N, C-alpha and C. Protein backbone atom coordinates (compact mmCIF):
# COMPACT_ATOMS: atom_id res chain seq x y z
N MET A 1 -10.08 0.79 6.33
CA MET A 1 -10.83 1.77 7.10
C MET A 1 -12.05 2.28 6.34
N GLN A 2 -11.90 2.51 5.05
CA GLN A 2 -12.94 2.96 4.13
C GLN A 2 -13.32 4.43 4.29
N SER A 3 -13.34 4.95 5.51
CA SER A 3 -13.62 6.36 5.75
C SER A 3 -13.10 6.73 7.12
N GLY A 4 -12.70 7.97 7.28
CA GLY A 4 -12.26 8.45 8.59
C GLY A 4 -13.35 9.16 9.34
N SER A 5 -14.57 9.14 8.78
CA SER A 5 -15.71 9.83 9.39
C SER A 5 -16.64 8.84 10.04
N ASP A 6 -16.95 9.05 11.31
CA ASP A 6 -17.89 8.17 12.00
C ASP A 6 -19.27 8.20 11.34
N ALA A 7 -19.70 9.37 10.85
CA ALA A 7 -21.00 9.48 10.20
C ALA A 7 -21.04 8.62 8.93
N VAL A 8 -19.99 8.68 8.14
CA VAL A 8 -19.94 7.87 6.92
C VAL A 8 -19.82 6.40 7.26
N LEU A 9 -19.02 6.06 8.24
CA LEU A 9 -18.89 4.65 8.66
C LEU A 9 -20.25 4.09 9.09
N ALA A 10 -21.01 4.88 9.83
CA ALA A 10 -22.34 4.44 10.26
C ALA A 10 -23.26 4.26 9.05
N ALA A 11 -23.19 5.20 8.09
CA ALA A 11 -24.00 5.08 6.87
C ALA A 11 -23.61 3.85 6.06
N MET A 12 -22.35 3.46 6.14
CA MET A 12 -21.86 2.26 5.43
C MET A 12 -22.19 0.99 6.21
N ASN A 13 -22.78 1.16 7.39
CA ASN A 13 -23.12 0.03 8.27
C ASN A 13 -21.88 -0.67 8.80
N ARG A 14 -20.82 0.08 9.02
CA ARG A 14 -19.61 -0.47 9.64
C ARG A 14 -19.79 -0.45 11.14
N ARG A 15 -19.26 -1.43 11.80
CA ARG A 15 -19.47 -1.56 13.24
C ARG A 15 -18.25 -1.11 14.05
N TYR A 16 -17.49 -0.19 13.49
CA TYR A 16 -16.34 0.37 14.19
C TYR A 16 -16.35 1.88 14.01
N THR A 17 -15.57 2.55 14.85
CA THR A 17 -15.48 4.00 14.79
C THR A 17 -14.03 4.41 14.51
N ARG A 18 -13.87 5.65 14.21
CA ARG A 18 -12.54 6.21 13.99
C ARG A 18 -11.67 5.99 15.23
N ALA A 19 -12.19 6.31 16.41
CA ALA A 19 -11.42 6.17 17.65
C ALA A 19 -11.02 4.72 17.89
N HIS A 20 -11.94 3.79 17.67
CA HIS A 20 -11.64 2.37 17.84
C HIS A 20 -10.52 1.94 16.89
N TYR A 21 -10.62 2.36 15.65
CA TYR A 21 -9.62 2.01 14.65
C TYR A 21 -8.25 2.59 15.03
N LEU A 22 -8.21 3.86 15.40
CA LEU A 22 -6.93 4.47 15.78
C LEU A 22 -6.33 3.81 17.02
N GLU A 23 -7.17 3.34 17.91
CA GLU A 23 -6.67 2.61 19.09
C GLU A 23 -6.03 1.30 18.66
N LEU A 24 -6.62 0.61 17.70
CA LEU A 24 -6.02 -0.63 17.17
C LEU A 24 -4.66 -0.34 16.52
N VAL A 25 -4.60 0.73 15.76
CA VAL A 25 -3.33 1.11 15.12
C VAL A 25 -2.27 1.41 16.19
N ARG A 26 -2.68 2.12 17.25
CA ARG A 26 -1.74 2.44 18.33
C ARG A 26 -1.21 1.15 18.98
N LYS A 27 -2.11 0.21 19.25
CA LYS A 27 -1.70 -1.05 19.88
C LYS A 27 -0.74 -1.83 18.97
N LEU A 28 -1.04 -1.87 17.68
CA LEU A 28 -0.15 -2.55 16.74
C LEU A 28 1.23 -1.92 16.73
N ARG A 29 1.27 -0.60 16.69
CA ARG A 29 2.56 0.10 16.63
C ARG A 29 3.31 0.02 17.95
N ASP A 30 2.60 -0.14 19.06
CA ASP A 30 3.28 -0.35 20.34
C ASP A 30 4.06 -1.66 20.32
N VAL A 31 3.48 -2.67 19.69
CA VAL A 31 4.11 -3.99 19.63
C VAL A 31 5.13 -4.06 18.49
N LEU A 32 4.82 -3.46 17.36
CA LEU A 32 5.66 -3.55 16.16
C LEU A 32 5.74 -2.17 15.50
N PRO A 33 6.63 -1.30 15.98
CA PRO A 33 6.68 0.09 15.50
C PRO A 33 6.86 0.23 13.99
N GLU A 34 7.51 -0.72 13.35
CA GLU A 34 7.77 -0.59 11.92
C GLU A 34 6.71 -1.27 11.06
N ILE A 35 5.57 -1.62 11.64
CA ILE A 35 4.52 -2.30 10.88
C ILE A 35 4.10 -1.43 9.69
N ALA A 36 3.85 -2.07 8.57
CA ALA A 36 3.36 -1.39 7.37
C ALA A 36 1.87 -1.68 7.25
N LEU A 37 1.07 -0.63 7.18
CA LEU A 37 -0.37 -0.78 7.10
C LEU A 37 -0.89 -0.33 5.74
N SER A 38 -1.95 -0.98 5.29
CA SER A 38 -2.62 -0.56 4.06
C SER A 38 -4.12 -0.56 4.32
N THR A 39 -4.86 0.12 3.45
CA THR A 39 -6.30 0.20 3.61
C THR A 39 -6.95 0.55 2.29
N ASP A 40 -8.27 0.47 2.26
CA ASP A 40 -9.08 0.98 1.16
C ASP A 40 -9.82 2.21 1.68
N ILE A 41 -9.93 3.23 0.84
CA ILE A 41 -10.69 4.43 1.19
C ILE A 41 -11.65 4.73 0.05
N ILE A 42 -12.89 5.01 0.40
CA ILE A 42 -13.91 5.40 -0.58
C ILE A 42 -14.19 6.88 -0.40
N VAL A 43 -14.09 7.63 -1.49
CA VAL A 43 -14.40 9.06 -1.48
C VAL A 43 -15.73 9.26 -2.20
N GLY A 44 -16.58 10.12 -1.64
CA GLY A 44 -17.84 10.44 -2.31
C GLY A 44 -18.98 9.51 -1.97
N PHE A 45 -18.89 8.80 -0.83
CA PHE A 45 -20.03 7.99 -0.41
C PHE A 45 -21.23 8.93 -0.26
N PRO A 46 -22.44 8.51 -0.66
CA PRO A 46 -23.60 9.40 -0.60
C PRO A 46 -23.75 10.07 0.76
N GLY A 47 -23.85 11.39 0.73
CA GLY A 47 -24.01 12.17 1.95
C GLY A 47 -22.71 12.64 2.56
N GLU A 48 -21.55 12.23 1.99
CA GLU A 48 -20.27 12.67 2.54
C GLU A 48 -20.17 14.19 2.45
N THR A 49 -19.91 14.82 3.59
CA THR A 49 -19.77 16.28 3.63
C THR A 49 -18.29 16.66 3.55
N ALA A 50 -18.04 17.95 3.44
CA ALA A 50 -16.66 18.43 3.44
C ALA A 50 -15.98 18.03 4.74
N LYS A 51 -16.69 18.11 5.87
CA LYS A 51 -16.12 17.72 7.16
C LYS A 51 -15.81 16.23 7.18
N ASP A 52 -16.72 15.41 6.65
CA ASP A 52 -16.48 13.97 6.60
C ASP A 52 -15.20 13.67 5.81
N PHE A 53 -15.06 14.34 4.67
CA PHE A 53 -13.86 14.11 3.87
C PHE A 53 -12.61 14.56 4.63
N GLU A 54 -12.68 15.70 5.31
CA GLU A 54 -11.52 16.18 6.08
C GLU A 54 -11.15 15.19 7.17
N ASP A 55 -12.16 14.56 7.79
CA ASP A 55 -11.88 13.53 8.80
C ASP A 55 -11.10 12.36 8.17
N THR A 56 -11.49 11.98 6.97
CA THR A 56 -10.79 10.90 6.26
C THR A 56 -9.37 11.33 5.91
N TYR A 57 -9.24 12.51 5.38
CA TYR A 57 -7.93 13.04 4.98
C TYR A 57 -6.98 13.06 6.18
N ARG A 58 -7.46 13.57 7.31
CA ARG A 58 -6.62 13.65 8.52
C ARG A 58 -6.26 12.26 9.03
N LEU A 59 -7.19 11.31 8.94
CA LEU A 59 -6.90 9.94 9.38
C LEU A 59 -5.78 9.33 8.52
N VAL A 60 -5.88 9.47 7.21
CA VAL A 60 -4.85 8.93 6.32
C VAL A 60 -3.51 9.56 6.63
N ASP A 61 -3.51 10.85 6.88
CA ASP A 61 -2.26 11.55 7.21
C ASP A 61 -1.71 11.08 8.55
N GLU A 62 -2.58 10.90 9.52
CA GLU A 62 -2.16 10.48 10.86
C GLU A 62 -1.62 9.06 10.88
N VAL A 63 -2.30 8.14 10.23
CA VAL A 63 -1.88 6.74 10.25
C VAL A 63 -0.59 6.54 9.46
N GLY A 64 -0.44 7.23 8.34
CA GLY A 64 0.77 7.08 7.54
C GLY A 64 0.88 5.72 6.89
N TYR A 65 -0.14 5.35 6.16
CA TYR A 65 -0.17 4.04 5.49
C TYR A 65 0.97 3.90 4.48
N HIS A 66 1.40 2.66 4.28
CA HIS A 66 2.34 2.36 3.20
C HIS A 66 1.59 2.30 1.87
N GLN A 67 0.38 1.79 1.89
CA GLN A 67 -0.45 1.70 0.69
C GLN A 67 -1.88 2.05 1.04
N VAL A 68 -2.51 2.81 0.14
CA VAL A 68 -3.93 3.09 0.26
C VAL A 68 -4.55 2.90 -1.11
N PHE A 69 -5.55 2.06 -1.17
CA PHE A 69 -6.28 1.85 -2.41
C PHE A 69 -7.49 2.78 -2.37
N THR A 70 -7.48 3.79 -3.22
CA THR A 70 -8.49 4.83 -3.19
C THR A 70 -9.51 4.62 -4.31
N PHE A 71 -10.76 4.85 -3.98
CA PHE A 71 -11.86 4.67 -4.92
C PHE A 71 -12.85 5.80 -4.79
N ILE A 72 -13.45 6.17 -5.91
CA ILE A 72 -14.61 7.06 -5.88
C ILE A 72 -15.83 6.15 -5.81
N TYR A 73 -16.74 6.48 -4.91
CA TYR A 73 -17.94 5.67 -4.73
C TYR A 73 -18.68 5.51 -6.06
N SER A 74 -19.12 4.28 -6.31
CA SER A 74 -19.99 4.03 -7.45
C SER A 74 -21.17 3.20 -6.96
N LYS A 75 -22.35 3.54 -7.48
CA LYS A 75 -23.58 2.86 -7.04
C LYS A 75 -23.54 1.38 -7.38
N ARG A 76 -24.02 0.59 -6.44
CA ARG A 76 -24.23 -0.84 -6.69
C ARG A 76 -25.70 -1.12 -6.42
N GLU A 77 -26.41 -1.45 -7.46
CA GLU A 77 -27.84 -1.71 -7.31
C GLU A 77 -28.07 -2.79 -6.26
N GLY A 78 -29.14 -2.58 -5.49
CA GLY A 78 -29.49 -3.54 -4.44
C GLY A 78 -28.89 -3.21 -3.09
N THR A 79 -27.99 -2.23 -3.04
CA THR A 79 -27.42 -1.83 -1.76
C THR A 79 -28.22 -0.65 -1.21
N PRO A 80 -28.27 -0.49 0.11
CA PRO A 80 -29.02 0.65 0.68
C PRO A 80 -28.51 2.00 0.17
N ALA A 81 -27.20 2.13 -0.06
CA ALA A 81 -26.64 3.41 -0.50
C ALA A 81 -27.07 3.77 -1.92
N ALA A 82 -27.42 2.79 -2.73
CA ALA A 82 -27.79 3.06 -4.12
C ALA A 82 -29.04 3.93 -4.23
N SER A 83 -29.87 3.89 -3.20
CA SER A 83 -31.12 4.67 -3.25
C SER A 83 -30.97 6.06 -2.62
N VAL A 84 -29.79 6.38 -2.10
CA VAL A 84 -29.58 7.67 -1.45
C VAL A 84 -29.21 8.71 -2.50
N ASP A 85 -29.95 9.81 -2.51
CA ASP A 85 -29.63 10.92 -3.41
C ASP A 85 -28.49 11.72 -2.83
N ASP A 86 -27.51 12.04 -3.63
CA ASP A 86 -26.37 12.82 -3.15
C ASP A 86 -26.21 14.06 -4.03
N PRO A 87 -26.41 15.24 -3.44
CA PRO A 87 -26.32 16.47 -4.24
C PRO A 87 -24.89 16.94 -4.50
N THR A 88 -23.89 16.23 -3.98
CA THR A 88 -22.51 16.68 -4.14
C THR A 88 -22.11 16.60 -5.61
N PRO A 89 -21.66 17.72 -6.19
CA PRO A 89 -21.26 17.70 -7.60
C PRO A 89 -20.06 16.78 -7.83
N ARG A 90 -20.06 16.15 -9.00
CA ARG A 90 -18.99 15.21 -9.37
C ARG A 90 -17.62 15.88 -9.30
N ASP A 91 -17.51 17.14 -9.71
CA ASP A 91 -16.20 17.80 -9.70
C ASP A 91 -15.70 18.03 -8.27
N VAL A 92 -16.60 18.19 -7.31
CA VAL A 92 -16.19 18.33 -5.91
C VAL A 92 -15.64 17.00 -5.41
N ILE A 93 -16.34 15.91 -5.75
CA ILE A 93 -15.88 14.58 -5.34
C ILE A 93 -14.53 14.28 -5.99
N GLN A 94 -14.39 14.60 -7.27
CA GLN A 94 -13.12 14.37 -7.97
C GLN A 94 -11.99 15.19 -7.33
N GLY A 95 -12.28 16.42 -6.96
CA GLY A 95 -11.28 17.26 -6.30
C GLY A 95 -10.82 16.67 -4.97
N ARG A 96 -11.77 16.15 -4.20
CA ARG A 96 -11.43 15.50 -2.93
C ARG A 96 -10.56 14.27 -3.19
N PHE A 97 -10.98 13.48 -4.16
CA PHE A 97 -10.23 12.27 -4.51
C PHE A 97 -8.80 12.61 -4.91
N ASP A 98 -8.64 13.60 -5.78
CA ASP A 98 -7.30 14.00 -6.24
C ASP A 98 -6.44 14.48 -5.08
N ARG A 99 -7.04 15.22 -4.18
CA ARG A 99 -6.31 15.71 -3.01
C ARG A 99 -5.85 14.55 -2.12
N LEU A 100 -6.73 13.56 -1.95
CA LEU A 100 -6.38 12.39 -1.14
C LEU A 100 -5.27 11.58 -1.81
N VAL A 101 -5.36 11.39 -3.12
CA VAL A 101 -4.33 10.65 -3.85
C VAL A 101 -2.98 11.34 -3.71
N ASP A 102 -2.95 12.66 -3.76
CA ASP A 102 -1.69 13.40 -3.56
C ASP A 102 -1.10 13.10 -2.19
N LEU A 103 -1.94 13.09 -1.17
CA LEU A 103 -1.47 12.77 0.19
C LEU A 103 -0.97 11.32 0.27
N VAL A 104 -1.72 10.40 -0.32
CA VAL A 104 -1.33 8.98 -0.30
C VAL A 104 0.04 8.81 -0.94
N GLN A 105 0.28 9.46 -2.07
CA GLN A 105 1.57 9.36 -2.75
C GLN A 105 2.69 9.96 -1.89
N LYS A 106 2.43 11.09 -1.27
CA LYS A 106 3.43 11.72 -0.40
C LYS A 106 3.79 10.81 0.77
N ARG A 107 2.78 10.25 1.41
CA ARG A 107 3.03 9.39 2.57
C ARG A 107 3.71 8.07 2.17
N ALA A 108 3.34 7.50 1.01
CA ALA A 108 3.98 6.27 0.54
C ALA A 108 5.47 6.52 0.26
N PHE A 109 5.77 7.66 -0.35
CA PHE A 109 7.16 8.02 -0.62
C PHE A 109 7.93 8.14 0.69
N GLU A 110 7.35 8.85 1.66
CA GLU A 110 8.00 9.02 2.96
C GLU A 110 8.23 7.67 3.64
N ALA A 111 7.23 6.80 3.59
CA ALA A 111 7.36 5.48 4.23
C ALA A 111 8.49 4.68 3.59
N ASN A 112 8.61 4.74 2.27
CA ASN A 112 9.66 3.99 1.59
C ASN A 112 11.06 4.54 1.89
N GLN A 113 11.16 5.82 2.21
CA GLN A 113 12.48 6.40 2.52
C GLN A 113 13.11 5.74 3.75
N ALA A 114 12.28 5.21 4.64
CA ALA A 114 12.80 4.56 5.86
C ALA A 114 13.64 3.33 5.52
N ASP A 115 13.42 2.75 4.34
CA ASP A 115 14.16 1.54 3.96
C ASP A 115 15.39 1.83 3.11
N LEU A 116 15.59 3.07 2.75
CA LEU A 116 16.75 3.46 1.95
C LEU A 116 18.04 3.15 2.73
N GLY A 117 18.94 2.41 2.11
CA GLY A 117 20.20 2.05 2.76
C GLY A 117 20.15 0.77 3.56
N SER A 118 18.96 0.19 3.70
CA SER A 118 18.85 -1.06 4.47
C SER A 118 18.94 -2.26 3.52
N THR A 119 19.02 -3.43 4.11
CA THR A 119 18.96 -4.67 3.34
C THR A 119 17.70 -5.39 3.76
N VAL A 120 16.86 -5.73 2.77
CA VAL A 120 15.56 -6.35 3.07
C VAL A 120 15.45 -7.70 2.39
N ASP A 121 14.70 -8.59 3.02
CA ASP A 121 14.37 -9.87 2.42
C ASP A 121 13.32 -9.62 1.34
N VAL A 122 13.51 -10.26 0.18
CA VAL A 122 12.58 -10.08 -0.93
C VAL A 122 12.14 -11.45 -1.43
N LEU A 123 10.85 -11.69 -1.43
CA LEU A 123 10.29 -12.89 -2.04
C LEU A 123 10.20 -12.63 -3.53
N VAL A 124 10.99 -13.33 -4.31
CA VAL A 124 11.05 -13.10 -5.75
C VAL A 124 9.81 -13.69 -6.41
N GLU A 125 9.09 -12.84 -7.13
CA GLU A 125 7.88 -13.28 -7.82
C GLU A 125 8.16 -13.62 -9.28
N GLY A 126 9.14 -12.97 -9.87
CA GLY A 126 9.47 -13.20 -11.28
C GLY A 126 10.27 -12.03 -11.81
N ALA A 127 10.29 -11.91 -13.13
CA ALA A 127 11.01 -10.81 -13.77
C ALA A 127 10.12 -9.57 -13.77
N SER A 128 10.78 -8.42 -13.78
CA SER A 128 10.06 -7.16 -13.92
C SER A 128 9.33 -7.14 -15.26
N LYS A 129 8.14 -6.59 -15.29
CA LYS A 129 7.37 -6.50 -16.53
C LYS A 129 8.04 -5.56 -17.53
N ARG A 130 8.84 -4.64 -17.04
CA ARG A 130 9.47 -3.65 -17.92
C ARG A 130 10.88 -4.02 -18.33
N ASP A 131 11.51 -4.93 -17.59
CA ASP A 131 12.90 -5.28 -17.89
C ASP A 131 13.16 -6.71 -17.42
N ALA A 132 13.32 -7.63 -18.37
CA ALA A 132 13.53 -9.04 -18.03
C ALA A 132 14.83 -9.28 -17.27
N GLY A 133 15.74 -8.29 -17.27
CA GLY A 133 16.99 -8.42 -16.54
C GLY A 133 16.87 -8.04 -15.07
N LEU A 134 15.67 -7.61 -14.67
CA LEU A 134 15.43 -7.24 -13.27
C LEU A 134 14.49 -8.24 -12.63
N LEU A 135 14.81 -8.64 -11.40
CA LEU A 135 13.85 -9.44 -10.65
C LEU A 135 12.85 -8.50 -10.01
N ALA A 136 11.67 -9.00 -9.78
CA ALA A 136 10.62 -8.24 -9.08
C ALA A 136 10.10 -9.11 -7.96
N GLY A 137 9.93 -8.51 -6.81
CA GLY A 137 9.44 -9.27 -5.67
C GLY A 137 8.81 -8.36 -4.64
N LYS A 138 8.51 -8.94 -3.49
CA LYS A 138 7.86 -8.21 -2.41
C LYS A 138 8.68 -8.29 -1.13
N SER A 139 8.76 -7.17 -0.45
CA SER A 139 9.42 -7.10 0.85
C SER A 139 8.43 -7.59 1.92
N PRO A 140 8.89 -7.77 3.15
CA PRO A 140 7.96 -8.15 4.22
C PRO A 140 6.86 -7.11 4.45
N LYS A 141 7.08 -5.87 3.99
CA LYS A 141 6.07 -4.81 4.11
C LYS A 141 5.19 -4.72 2.86
N ASN A 142 5.29 -5.70 1.99
CA ASN A 142 4.53 -5.77 0.73
C ASN A 142 4.93 -4.68 -0.26
N GLN A 143 6.13 -4.13 -0.12
CA GLN A 143 6.63 -3.17 -1.09
C GLN A 143 7.16 -3.93 -2.30
N THR A 144 6.94 -3.39 -3.48
CA THR A 144 7.55 -3.96 -4.67
C THR A 144 9.03 -3.61 -4.65
N VAL A 145 9.87 -4.60 -4.95
CA VAL A 145 11.32 -4.40 -4.97
C VAL A 145 11.86 -4.92 -6.30
N HIS A 146 12.75 -4.12 -6.92
CA HIS A 146 13.43 -4.50 -8.16
C HIS A 146 14.93 -4.56 -7.91
N ALA A 147 15.59 -5.51 -8.58
CA ALA A 147 17.06 -5.61 -8.52
C ALA A 147 17.53 -6.35 -9.76
N PRO A 148 18.72 -5.98 -10.27
CA PRO A 148 19.26 -6.75 -11.39
C PRO A 148 19.49 -8.20 -10.99
N LEU A 149 19.23 -9.09 -11.93
CA LEU A 149 19.53 -10.50 -11.68
C LEU A 149 21.01 -10.67 -11.43
N PRO A 150 21.40 -11.39 -10.39
CA PRO A 150 22.83 -11.63 -10.18
C PRO A 150 23.41 -12.39 -11.37
N GLU A 151 24.63 -12.07 -11.70
CA GLU A 151 25.30 -12.72 -12.83
C GLU A 151 25.29 -14.23 -12.63
N GLY A 152 24.96 -14.95 -13.68
CA GLY A 152 24.97 -16.41 -13.63
C GLY A 152 23.70 -17.03 -13.08
N THR A 153 22.69 -16.22 -12.78
CA THR A 153 21.41 -16.78 -12.30
C THR A 153 20.31 -16.42 -13.29
N SER A 154 19.26 -17.19 -13.25
CA SER A 154 18.10 -16.90 -14.09
C SER A 154 16.90 -16.61 -13.20
N ILE A 155 15.92 -15.98 -13.78
CA ILE A 155 14.72 -15.68 -13.00
C ILE A 155 14.01 -16.97 -12.61
N GLU A 156 14.12 -18.01 -13.43
CA GLU A 156 13.51 -19.30 -13.10
C GLU A 156 14.13 -19.88 -11.83
N GLU A 157 15.43 -19.67 -11.63
CA GLU A 157 16.10 -20.16 -10.42
C GLU A 157 15.62 -19.41 -9.18
N LEU A 158 15.38 -18.11 -9.35
CA LEU A 158 15.08 -17.26 -8.19
C LEU A 158 13.60 -17.18 -7.85
N ALA A 159 12.72 -17.36 -8.83
CA ALA A 159 11.28 -17.23 -8.57
C ALA A 159 10.86 -18.17 -7.46
N GLY A 160 10.17 -17.62 -6.48
CA GLY A 160 9.70 -18.41 -5.34
C GLY A 160 10.68 -18.50 -4.19
N THR A 161 11.88 -17.93 -4.37
CA THR A 161 12.86 -17.93 -3.29
C THR A 161 12.93 -16.54 -2.67
N THR A 162 13.66 -16.45 -1.57
CA THR A 162 13.88 -15.17 -0.91
C THR A 162 15.34 -14.79 -1.07
N VAL A 163 15.56 -13.55 -1.49
CA VAL A 163 16.93 -13.02 -1.58
C VAL A 163 17.01 -11.74 -0.75
N ARG A 164 18.21 -11.37 -0.38
CA ARG A 164 18.42 -10.13 0.37
C ARG A 164 18.83 -9.06 -0.63
N VAL A 165 18.18 -7.91 -0.56
CA VAL A 165 18.46 -6.81 -1.48
C VAL A 165 18.84 -5.57 -0.68
N ARG A 166 20.01 -5.00 -1.02
CA ARG A 166 20.44 -3.72 -0.43
C ARG A 166 19.72 -2.61 -1.18
N ILE A 167 18.95 -1.82 -0.48
CA ILE A 167 18.11 -0.80 -1.10
C ILE A 167 18.91 0.49 -1.28
N ASP A 168 19.03 0.91 -2.56
CA ASP A 168 19.73 2.17 -2.83
C ASP A 168 18.83 3.18 -3.54
N GLU A 169 17.57 2.82 -3.74
CA GLU A 169 16.61 3.74 -4.36
C GLU A 169 15.24 3.48 -3.76
N ALA A 170 14.58 4.53 -3.31
CA ALA A 170 13.25 4.41 -2.71
C ALA A 170 12.33 5.42 -3.38
N LYS A 171 11.43 4.91 -4.19
CA LYS A 171 10.46 5.75 -4.91
C LYS A 171 9.10 5.63 -4.23
N THR A 172 8.11 6.26 -4.81
CA THR A 172 6.77 6.22 -4.22
C THR A 172 6.20 4.81 -4.20
N TRP A 173 6.33 4.08 -5.31
CA TRP A 173 5.66 2.79 -5.42
C TRP A 173 6.59 1.60 -5.43
N TYR A 174 7.91 1.82 -5.31
CA TYR A 174 8.82 0.67 -5.30
C TYR A 174 10.15 1.03 -4.67
N LEU A 175 10.88 -0.04 -4.32
CA LEU A 175 12.26 0.07 -3.85
C LEU A 175 13.13 -0.61 -4.89
N ALA A 176 14.39 -0.21 -4.99
CA ALA A 176 15.31 -0.85 -5.93
C ALA A 176 16.68 -0.94 -5.28
N GLY A 177 17.44 -1.94 -5.71
CA GLY A 177 18.78 -2.10 -5.18
C GLY A 177 19.49 -3.25 -5.86
N GLU A 178 20.46 -3.82 -5.14
CA GLU A 178 21.28 -4.91 -5.65
C GLU A 178 21.12 -6.11 -4.73
N VAL A 179 21.11 -7.30 -5.32
CA VAL A 179 21.06 -8.51 -4.52
C VAL A 179 22.36 -8.62 -3.74
N ALA A 180 22.25 -8.80 -2.44
CA ALA A 180 23.44 -8.91 -1.59
C ALA A 180 24.15 -10.23 -1.88
N GLU A 181 25.47 -10.18 -1.90
CA GLU A 181 26.26 -11.38 -2.19
C GLU A 181 25.90 -12.49 -1.21
N GLY A 182 25.82 -13.71 -1.76
CA GLY A 182 25.55 -14.86 -0.92
C GLY A 182 24.08 -15.08 -0.62
N SER A 183 23.19 -14.22 -1.16
CA SER A 183 21.77 -14.41 -0.82
C SER A 183 21.01 -15.16 -1.91
N GLU A 184 21.67 -15.46 -3.05
CA GLU A 184 20.97 -16.23 -4.08
C GLU A 184 20.93 -17.70 -3.62
N PRO A 185 19.92 -18.44 -4.10
CA PRO A 185 19.87 -19.86 -3.71
C PRO A 185 21.03 -20.62 -4.33
N PRO A 186 21.55 -21.63 -3.65
CA PRO A 186 22.65 -22.40 -4.23
C PRO A 186 22.19 -23.06 -5.53
N ALA A 187 23.12 -23.27 -6.47
CA ALA A 187 22.81 -23.84 -7.78
C ALA A 187 22.10 -25.18 -7.65
N GLU A 188 22.53 -26.00 -6.68
CA GLU A 188 21.90 -27.33 -6.57
C GLU A 188 20.44 -27.22 -6.16
N ALA A 189 20.05 -26.15 -5.40
CA ALA A 189 18.66 -25.98 -5.01
C ALA A 189 17.82 -25.58 -6.20
N ALA A 190 18.40 -24.86 -7.15
CA ALA A 190 17.64 -24.36 -8.28
C ALA A 190 17.19 -25.48 -9.21
N ASP A 191 18.02 -26.54 -9.35
CA ASP A 191 17.62 -27.60 -10.27
C ASP A 191 17.04 -28.82 -9.53
N GLY A 192 16.78 -28.65 -8.25
CA GLY A 192 16.10 -29.70 -7.49
C GLY A 192 16.99 -30.76 -6.89
N ARG A 193 18.31 -30.65 -7.03
CA ARG A 193 19.22 -31.66 -6.46
C ARG A 193 19.60 -31.33 -5.04
């Protein structure tokens, strides 16, 4: 979305409006109510007013994204925005950014709570960077999921496969649980036979 303000979207030369975007979200959720959405948001685009920021804040709150990648605007030479003078003090922009990040974290935590107690398919990417005894993968909603490696399996056997994980912990940025019995790949599949 990049911004929830029509004025900022127009300044960014985007060819969509807040209303158009929200209508698309409504249509998606009509068809698939549990869809997980993500977006990028830029705070502090030249000329962004307090009202423009509030429009963005309300949009993020209304949509309830699973993930939002937030950025403070930085000039890129050669772009039309690079030549726009913006009198907004850096500390005001930083305050807006911090407020938005707080909302993003709150909404991500709330979204992950919906999966607590469920069993989800996880595409295993490899071992957790913090603990080689944990697998790390992605759910169909692109959530990071961690689970202890089932006894007798290696991460090499599981990487690239899908396992079912019962979720017993839902944090802001990840889910965790246990691999459900019978969801590991058979031994013969792991060694190519």
